[in-house]
């Protein structure tokens, strides 16, 4: 008869008392407790990332506004100022 492979074997058992057995299982791996220095470094990094995100959002908003103004000015130039600002346009307000 062939010997069972490692995967087919029963888990190792320990005899606690006659007739009572308990299966040995490895405890799950646990990361060591974070130190105070690591916690403060994580807080600093989170604050840095938050500041960079704010700067990026402000830059995107600024770029969209500039793009909108450029498109508006290009459209007005292409249509001609006499068509955009017709005679008496100030009276419409």
Protein backbone atom coordinates (compact mmCIF):
# COMPACT_ATOMS: atom_id res chain seq x y z
CA UNK A 1 0.00 0.00 0.00
CA UNK A 2 1.31 3.44 -0.96
CA UNK A 3 2.02 5.98 1.74
CA UNK A 4 -0.40 8.97 1.71
CA UNK A 5 1.01 12.29 0.61
CA UNK A 6 1.36 15.26 2.98
CA UNK A 7 -1.94 16.76 1.78
CA UNK A 8 -3.88 13.55 2.35
CA UNK A 9 -2.67 12.91 5.90
CA UNK A 10 -4.80 13.63 8.91
CA UNK A 11 -3.75 16.65 10.95
CA UNK A 12 -1.47 15.84 13.87
CA UNK A 13 -3.33 15.09 17.06
CA UNK A 14 -2.22 15.41 20.64
CA UNK A 15 -3.51 13.11 23.34
CA UNK A 16 -4.83 15.22 26.21
CA UNK A 17 -6.23 12.36 28.26
CA UNK A 18 -6.84 8.72 27.46
CA UNK A 19 -9.43 8.70 24.67
CA UNK A 20 -9.44 12.53 24.23
CA UNK A 21 -7.48 14.10 21.41
CA UNK A 22 -7.09 17.66 20.15
CA UNK A 23 -6.06 18.76 16.66
CA UNK A 24 -2.94 20.92 16.51
CA UNK A 25 -3.42 23.96 14.33
CA UNK A 26 -1.05 26.80 13.75
CA UNK A 27 -2.31 30.16 14.94
CA UNK A 28 -2.77 32.76 12.21
CA UNK A 29 0.13 35.08 11.59
CA UNK A 30 -0.19 38.42 13.35
CA UNK A 31 1.65 41.62 12.62
CA UNK A 32 3.54 43.12 15.54
CA UNK A 33 1.91 45.99 17.39
CA UNK A 34 2.63 49.35 15.76
CA UNK A 35 4.99 51.61 17.65
CA UNK A 36 4.23 55.22 18.54
CA UNK A 37 6.76 56.38 15.93
CA UNK A 38 5.01 54.39 13.21
CA UNK A 39 1.61 55.77 14.25
CA UNK A 40 2.88 59.36 14.13
CA UNK A 41 4.54 58.71 10.75
CA UNK A 42 1.24 57.37 9.40
CA UNK A 43 -0.60 60.47 10.66
CA UNK A 44 1.98 62.76 9.05
CA UNK A 45 1.72 60.87 5.78
CA UNK A 46 -2.10 61.05 5.84
CA UNK A 47 -1.94 64.82 6.42
CA UNK A 48 0.58 65.19 3.57
CA UNK A 49 -1.60 63.17 1.19
CA UNK A 50 -4.68 65.19 2.15
CA UNK A 51 -2.82 68.46 1.47
CA UNK A 52 -1.60 67.21 -1.90
CA UNK A 53 -5.13 66.16 -2.86
CA UNK A 54 -6.43 69.65 -2.01
CA UNK A 55 -3.72 71.23 -4.14
CA UNK A 56 -4.52 68.88 -7.02
CA UNK A 57 -8.24 69.63 -6.85
CA UNK A 58 -7.55 73.38 -6.81
CA UNK A 59 -5.27 73.02 -9.83
CA UNK A 60 -7.88 71.02 -11.74
CA UNK A 61 -10.56 73.60 -10.98
CA UNK A 62 -8.28 76.43 -12.08
CA UNK A 63 -7.45 74.62 -15.33
CA UNK A 64 -11.13 74.01 -16.10
CA UNK A 65 -11.96 77.66 -15.51
CA UNK A 66 -9.11 78.82 -17.78
CA UNK A 67 -10.21 76.35 -20.45
CA UNK A 68 -13.79 77.63 -20.23
CA UNK A 69 -12.66 81.25 -20.63
CA UNK A 70 -10.45 80.35 -23.60
CA UNK A 71 -13.32 78.50 -25.31
CA UNK A 72 -15.70 81.42 -24.65
CA UNK A 73 -13.24 83.96 -26.03
CA UNK A 74 -12.51 81.79 -29.07
CA UNK A 75 -16.21 81.37 -29.78
CA UNK A 76 -16.82 85.12 -29.49
CA UNK A 77 -13.87 85.89 -31.77
CA UNK A 78 -14.98 83.34 -34.36
CA UNK A 79 -18.59 84.59 -34.39
CA UNK A 80 -17.50 88.22 -34.47
CA UNK A 81 -18.03 90.81 -31.80
CA UNK A 82 -20.83 92.48 -33.78
CA UNK A 83 -22.88 89.25 -33.55
CA UNK A 84 -22.08 88.52 -29.91
CA UNK A 85 -22.63 92.07 -28.69
CA UNK A 86 -25.40 93.36 -30.94
CA UNK A 87 -26.42 97.01 -30.88
CA UNK A 88 -28.29 97.71 -27.65
CA UNK A 89 -27.22 94.55 -25.81
CA UNK A 90 -26.85 96.50 -22.57
CA UNK A 91 -30.57 97.30 -22.64
CA UNK A 92 -31.44 93.61 -22.23
CA UNK A 93 -30.17 93.70 -18.67
